C-alpha atoms as a PDB file:
ATOM      1  CA  UNK A   1     113.847 116.111 130.871  1.00  0.00           C
ATOM      2  CA  UNK A   2     117.360 114.708 129.929  1.00  0.00           C
ATOM      3  CA  UNK A   3     116.166 110.976 130.444  1.00  0.00           C
ATOM      4  CA  UNK A   4     113.114 111.665 128.253  1.00  0.00           C
ATOM      5  CA  UNK A   5     115.584 112.981 125.478  1.00  0.00           C
ATOM      6  CA  UNK A   6     117.965 110.010 125.928  1.00  0.00           C
ATOM      7  CA  UNK A   7     115.325 107.452 125.949  1.00  0.00           C
ATOM      8  CA  UNK A   8     113.769 108.791 122.829  1.00  0.00           C
ATOM      9  CA  UNK A   9     117.285 108.840 121.364  1.00  0.00           C
ATOM     10  CA  UNK A  10     117.682 105.211 122.141  1.00  0.00           C
ATOM     11  CA  UNK A  11     114.429 104.124 120.984  1.00  0.00           C
ATOM     12  CA  UNK A  12     115.189 105.841 117.447  1.00  0.00           C
ATOM     13  CA  UNK A  13     118.361 103.884 117.434  1.00  0.00           C
ATOM     14  CA  UNK A  14     116.869 100.772 118.221  1.00  0.00           C
ATOM     15  CA  UNK A  15     114.304 101.125 115.709  1.00  0.00           C
ATOM     16  CA  UNK A  16     116.670 102.107 113.108  1.00  0.00           C
ATOM     17  CA  UNK A  17     118.683  98.932 113.652  1.00  0.00           C
ATOM     18  CA  UNK A  18     115.322  96.777 113.708  1.00  0.00           C
ATOM     19  CA  UNK A  19     114.467  98.380 110.488  1.00  0.00           C
ATOM     20  CA  UNK A  20     117.707  97.001 108.853  1.00  0.00           C
ATOM     21  CA  UNK A  21     116.953  93.548 109.990  1.00  0.00           C
ATOM     22  CA  UNK A  22     113.272  93.281 109.026  1.00  0.00           C
ATOM     23  CA  UNK A  23     112.514  92.279 105.422  1.00  0.00           C
ATOM     24  CA  UNK A  24     110.522  94.662 103.074  1.00  0.00           C
ATOM     25  CA  UNK A  25     107.021  93.216 103.024  1.00  0.00           C
ATOM     26  CA  UNK A  26     106.661  95.087  99.476  1.00  0.00           C
ATOM     27  CA  UNK A  27     109.679  93.322  98.032  1.00  0.00           C
ATOM     28  CA  UNK A  28     107.848  90.172  97.255  1.00  0.00           C
ATOM     29  CA  UNK A  29     105.503  92.075  95.498  1.00  0.00           C
ATOM     30  CA  UNK A  30     107.931  93.940  93.412  1.00  0.00           C
ATOM     31  CA  UNK A  31     109.823  90.652  92.689  1.00  0.00           C
ATOM     32  CA  UNK A  32     106.396  89.027  91.493  1.00  0.00           C
ATOM     33  CA  UNK A  33     105.612  92.004  89.476  1.00  0.00           C
ATOM     34  CA  UNK A  34     109.131  92.148  87.885  1.00  0.00           C
ATOM     35  CA  UNK A  35     108.706  88.316  86.840  1.00  0.00           C
ATOM     36  CA  UNK A  36     105.362  89.006  85.599  1.00  0.00           C
ATOM     37  CA  UNK A  37     106.599  91.710  83.461  1.00  0.00           C
ATOM     38  CA  UNK A  38     109.312  89.835  82.291  1.00  0.00           C
ATOM     39  CA  UNK A  39     107.293  86.693  81.303  1.00  0.00           C
ATOM     40  CA  UNK A  40     104.686  89.216  79.336  1.00  0.00           C
ATOM     41  CA  UNK A  41     107.473  90.732  77.358  1.00  0.00           C
ATOM     42  CA  UNK A  42     108.764  87.464  76.463  1.00  0.00           C
ATOM     43  CA  UNK A  43     105.537  86.220  75.440  1.00  0.00           C
ATOM     44  CA  UNK A  44     104.618  89.535  73.345  1.00  0.00           C
ATOM     45  CA  UNK A  45     108.065  88.735  71.703  1.00  0.00           C
ATOM     46  CA  UNK A  46     106.924  85.094  71.010  1.00  0.00           C
ATOM     47  CA  UNK A  47     103.582  86.542  69.588  1.00  0.00           C
ATOM     48  CA  UNK A  48     105.439  89.213  67.475  1.00  0.00           C
ATOM     49  CA  UNK A  49     107.788  86.506  65.849  1.00  0.00           C
ATOM     50  CA  UNK A  50     104.820  84.398  65.013  1.00  0.00           C
ATOM     51  CA  UNK A  51     102.999  87.267  63.496  1.00  0.00           C
ATOM     52  CA  UNK A  52     105.872  88.192  61.133  1.00  0.00           C
ATOM     53  CA  UNK A  53     106.303  84.472  60.086  1.00  0.00           C
ATOM     54  CA  UNK A  54     102.631  84.422  59.248  1.00  0.00           C
ATOM     55  CA  UNK A  55     102.820  87.737  57.422  1.00  0.00           C
ATOM     56  CA  UNK A  56     105.638  86.461  55.436  1.00  0.00           C
ATOM     57  CA  UNK A  57     103.754  83.271  54.377  1.00  0.00           C
ATOM     58  CA  UNK A  58     100.712  85.524  53.386  1.00  0.00           C
ATOM     59  CA  UNK A  59     103.146  87.801  51.289  1.00  0.00           C
ATOM     60  CA  UNK A  60     104.487  84.587  49.602  1.00  0.00           C
ATOM     61  CA  UNK A  61     101.039  83.277  48.910  1.00  0.00           C
ATOM     62  CA  UNK A  62      99.690  86.508  47.505  1.00  0.00           C
ATOM     63  CA  UNK A  63     102.879  86.826  45.232  1.00  0.00           C
ATOM     64  CA  UNK A  64     102.194  83.648  43.711  1.00  0.00           C
ATOM     65  CA  UNK A  65      98.496  84.389  42.992  1.00  0.00           C
ATOM     66  CA  UNK A  66      97.570  85.661  39.449  1.00  0.00           C
ATOM     67  CA  UNK A  67      97.139  89.549  39.361  1.00  0.00           C
ATOM     68  CA  UNK A  68      94.478  89.300  36.794  1.00  0.00           C
ATOM     69  CA  UNK A  69      91.367  87.872  38.093  1.00  0.00           C
ATOM     70  CA  UNK A  70      88.619  86.799  35.932  1.00  0.00           C
ATOM     71  CA  UNK A  71      85.768  89.250  35.658  1.00  0.00           C
ATOM     72  CA  UNK A  72      82.620  88.069  36.853  1.00  0.00           C
ATOM     73  CA  UNK A  73      79.637  88.423  34.421  1.00  0.00           C
ATOM     74  CA  UNK A  74      77.265  91.457  35.610  1.00  0.00           C
ATOM     75  CA  UNK A  75      73.815  89.743  36.454  1.00  0.00           C
ATOM     76  CA  UNK A  76      70.884  90.209  34.326  1.00  0.00           C
ATOM     77  CA  UNK A  77      69.037  92.117  37.241  1.00  0.00           C
ATOM     78  CA  UNK A  78      71.892  94.588  37.517  1.00  0.00           C
ATOM     79  CA  UNK A  79      71.742  95.194  33.705  1.00  0.00           C
ATOM     80  CA  UNK A  80      67.874  95.608  33.756  1.00  0.00           C
ATOM     81  CA  UNK A  81      68.486  98.336  36.717  1.00  0.00           C
ATOM     82  CA  UNK A  82      70.981 100.189  34.658  1.00  0.00           C
ATOM     83  CA  UNK A  83      68.925 100.143  31.612  1.00  0.00           C
ATOM     84  CA  UNK A  84      66.029 101.452  33.611  1.00  0.00           C
ATOM     85  CA  UNK A  85      68.248 104.245  34.795  1.00  0.00           C
ATOM     86  CA  UNK A  86      69.267 104.868  31.206  1.00  0.00           C
ATOM     87  CA  UNK A  87      65.645 105.234  30.278  1.00  0.00           C
ATOM     88  CA  UNK A  88      65.092 107.670  33.413  1.00  0.00           C
ATOM     89  CA  UNK A  89      67.753 109.843  31.822  1.00  0.00           C
ATOM     90  CA  UNK A  90      70.254 109.370  34.412  1.00  0.00           C
ATOM     91  CA  UNK A  91      74.061 110.160  33.300  1.00  0.00           C
ATOM     92  CA  UNK A  92      76.362 107.204  33.057  1.00  0.00           C
ATOM     93  CA  UNK A  93      78.487 108.679  35.965  1.00  0.00           C
ATOM     94  CA  UNK A  94      75.429 108.691  38.084  1.00  0.00           C
ATOM     95  CA  UNK A  95      74.324 105.443  37.161  1.00  0.00           C
ATOM     96  CA  UNK A  96      77.832 103.888  37.678  1.00  0.00           C
ATOM     97  CA  UNK A  97      77.697 105.186  41.132  1.00  0.00           C
ATOM     98  CA  UNK A  98      74.454 104.080  42.116  1.00  0.00           C
ATOM     99  CA  UNK A  99      74.910 100.729  40.595  1.00  0.00           C
ATOM    100  CA  UNK A 100      78.772 100.355  42.063  1.00  0.00           C
ATOM    101  CA  UNK A 101      79.894  99.605  38.345  1.00  0.00           C
ATOM    102  CA  UNK A 102      82.361 101.178  36.501  1.00  0.00           C
ATOM    103  CA  UNK A 103      81.565 103.729  33.702  1.00  0.00           C
ATOM    104  CA  UNK A 104      82.975 101.019  31.027  1.00  0.00           C
ATOM    105  CA  UNK A 105      80.772  98.343  32.468  1.00  0.00           C
ATOM    106  CA  UNK A 106      77.661 100.758  32.490  1.00  0.00           C
ATOM    107  CA  UNK A 107      78.683 101.763  28.875  1.00  0.00           C
ATOM    108  CA  UNK A 108      79.208  97.956  27.692  1.00  0.00           C
ATOM    109  CA  UNK A 109      75.509  97.412  29.049  1.00  0.00           C
ATOM    110  CA  UNK A 110      74.109 100.265  27.449  1.00  0.00           C
ATOM    111  CA  UNK A 111      75.763  99.178  24.024  1.00  0.00           C
ATOM    112  CA  UNK A 112      74.501  95.610  24.824  1.00  0.00           C
ATOM    113  CA  UNK A 113      70.902  96.551  25.199  1.00  0.00           C
ATOM    114  CA  UNK A 114      71.325  98.970  22.040  1.00  0.00           C
ATOM    115  CA  UNK A 115      72.339  95.794  20.069  1.00  0.00           C
ATOM    116  CA  UNK A 116      69.488  93.897  21.233  1.00  0.00           C
ATOM    117  CA  UNK A 117      67.271  96.566  19.906  1.00  0.00           C
ATOM    118  CA  UNK A 118      65.702  97.265  23.081  1.00  0.00           C
ATOM    119  CA  UNK A 119      64.983 101.003  22.781  1.00  0.00           C
END
């Protein structure tokens, strides 16, 4: 019985010493993962830096554009639809919602048709 305990103790010490000298197989994987992580962080930093530069360029170009854009004329078809809705008895607010126009634009269309004498 003493020999068994002594031999198990000796084997345990030998295995302990061997474990110090053997290279960890997961260490290579950890090092590769660390390198990939560092590389991704660097690439992300570069992308953010480029994005910041692009955003600044866009802000500069947007600031240089005129604020008042020329208003496009309203197409005749839309004007006719607005007038048709007026004849159906729709309110100006309802017409503005349906036609995606402002109330002022709807009013101007109604005034235009009134001036033409179309009743």
